[in-house]
Amino acid sequence: MKKLVTFLFLVLNVLSFSDTFNNNEDERTILKQEQRVEQERLQKEFQKKRRRF
C-alpha cells in the first residue's frame, strides 16, 4: 500500500510539473510574438524617420 501511495504521488507530481512546463512554454511563445510585433513596429518607425531625412 505504501508503495502504491508513493507511486501515485510521484506520478501526480510529474503530471503537475508537465502541465506547469507547458503553461510556461505557452507564455514564452506569446512573449516572443509580442516582442516580434514590437520589433517590426520599431523597424517601420525607423524606416519612416530615415525617409524623412
C-alpha atoms as a PDB file:
ATOM      1  CA  MET A   1       0.000   0.000   0.000  1.00  0.00           C
ATOM      2  CA  LYS A   2       2.799   2.409   0.868  1.00  0.00           C
ATOM      3  CA  LYS A   3       4.467   1.758  -2.486  1.00  0.00           C
ATOM      4  CA  LEU A   4       1.210   2.459  -4.288  1.00  0.00           C
ATOM      5  CA  VAL A   5       0.763   5.779  -2.485  1.00  0.00           C
ATOM      6  CA  THR A   6       4.361   6.736  -3.242  1.00  0.00           C
ATOM      7  CA  PHE A   7       3.931   5.794  -6.894  1.00  0.00           C
ATOM      8  CA  LEU A   8       0.726   7.815  -7.227  1.00  0.00           C
ATOM      9  CA  PHE A   9       2.360  10.771  -5.518  1.00  0.00           C
ATOM     10  CA  LEU A  10       5.266  10.696  -7.966  1.00  0.00           C
ATOM     11  CA  VAL A  11       3.008  10.306 -10.997  1.00  0.00           C
ATOM     12  CA  LEU A  12       0.857  13.248  -9.925  1.00  0.00           C
ATOM     13  CA  ASN A  13       3.938  15.388  -9.341  1.00  0.00           C
ATOM     14  CA  VAL A  14       5.279  14.589 -12.797  1.00  0.00           C
ATOM     15  CA  LEU A  15       1.931  15.403 -14.397  1.00  0.00           C
ATOM     16  CA  SER A  16       1.698  18.640 -12.458  1.00  0.00           C
ATOM     17  CA  PHE A  17       5.213  19.644 -13.481  1.00  0.00           C
ATOM     18  CA  SER A  18       4.458  18.789 -17.101  1.00  0.00           C
ATOM     19  CA  ASP A  19       1.330  20.949 -17.086  1.00  0.00           C
ATOM     20  CA  THR A  20       3.209  23.853 -15.500  1.00  0.00           C
ATOM     21  CA  PHE A  21       6.004  23.490 -18.026  1.00  0.00           C
ATOM     22  CA  ASN A  22       3.508  23.585 -20.910  1.00  0.00           C
ATOM     23  CA  ASN A  23       1.888  26.726 -19.500  1.00  0.00           C
ATOM     24  CA  ASN A  24       5.287  28.394 -19.186  1.00  0.00           C
ATOM     25  CA  GLU A  25       6.119  27.400 -22.739  1.00  0.00           C
ATOM     26  CA  ASP A  26       2.868  28.974 -23.952  1.00  0.00           C
ATOM     27  CA  GLU A  27       3.715  32.180 -22.087  1.00  0.00           C
ATOM     28  CA  ARG A  28       7.178  32.260 -23.650  1.00  0.00           C
ATOM     29  CA  THR A  29       5.671  31.789 -27.107  1.00  0.00           C
ATOM     30  CA  ILE A  30       3.254  34.668 -26.535  1.00  0.00           C
ATOM     31  CA  LEU A  31       6.088  36.853 -25.251  1.00  0.00           C
ATOM     32  CA  LYS A  32       8.196  36.070 -28.318  1.00  0.00           C
ATOM     33  CA  GLN A  33       5.279  37.003 -30.579  1.00  0.00           C
ATOM     34  CA  GLU A  34       4.791  40.291 -28.730  1.00  0.00           C
ATOM     35  CA  GLN A  35       8.498  41.060 -28.974  1.00  0.00           C
ATOM     36  CA  ARG A  36       8.473  40.339 -32.707  1.00  0.00           C
ATOM     37  CA  VAL A  37       5.482  42.626 -33.261  1.00  0.00           C
ATOM     38  CA  GLU A  38       7.171  45.393 -31.254  1.00  0.00           C
ATOM     39  CA  GLN A  39      10.411  44.936 -33.197  1.00  0.00           C
ATOM     40  CA  GLU A  40       8.547  45.191 -36.505  1.00  0.00           C
ATOM     41  CA  ARG A  41       6.785  48.346 -35.308  1.00  0.00           C
ATOM     42  CA  LEU A  42      10.076  49.931 -34.290  1.00  0.00           C
ATOM     43  CA  GLN A  43      11.632  48.964 -37.602  1.00  0.00           C
ATOM     44  CA  LYS A  44       8.792  50.638 -39.512  1.00  0.00           C
ATOM     45  CA  GLU A  45       9.135  53.800 -37.420  1.00  0.00           C
ATOM     46  CA  PHE A  46      12.866  53.845 -38.046  1.00  0.00           C
ATOM     47  CA  GLN A  47      12.341  53.474 -41.792  1.00  0.00           C
ATOM     48  CA  LYS A  48       9.805  56.324 -41.811  1.00  0.00           C
ATOM     49  CA  LYS A  49      12.213  58.620 -39.969  1.00  0.00           C
ATOM     50  CA  ARG A  50      15.009  57.616 -42.279  1.00  0.00           C
ATOM     51  CA  ARG A  51      12.949  58.508 -45.351  1.00  0.00           C
ATOM     52  CA  ARG A  52      12.262  61.968 -43.954  1.00  0.00           C
ATOM     53  CA  PHE A  53      15.974  62.752 -43.847  1.00  0.00           C
END
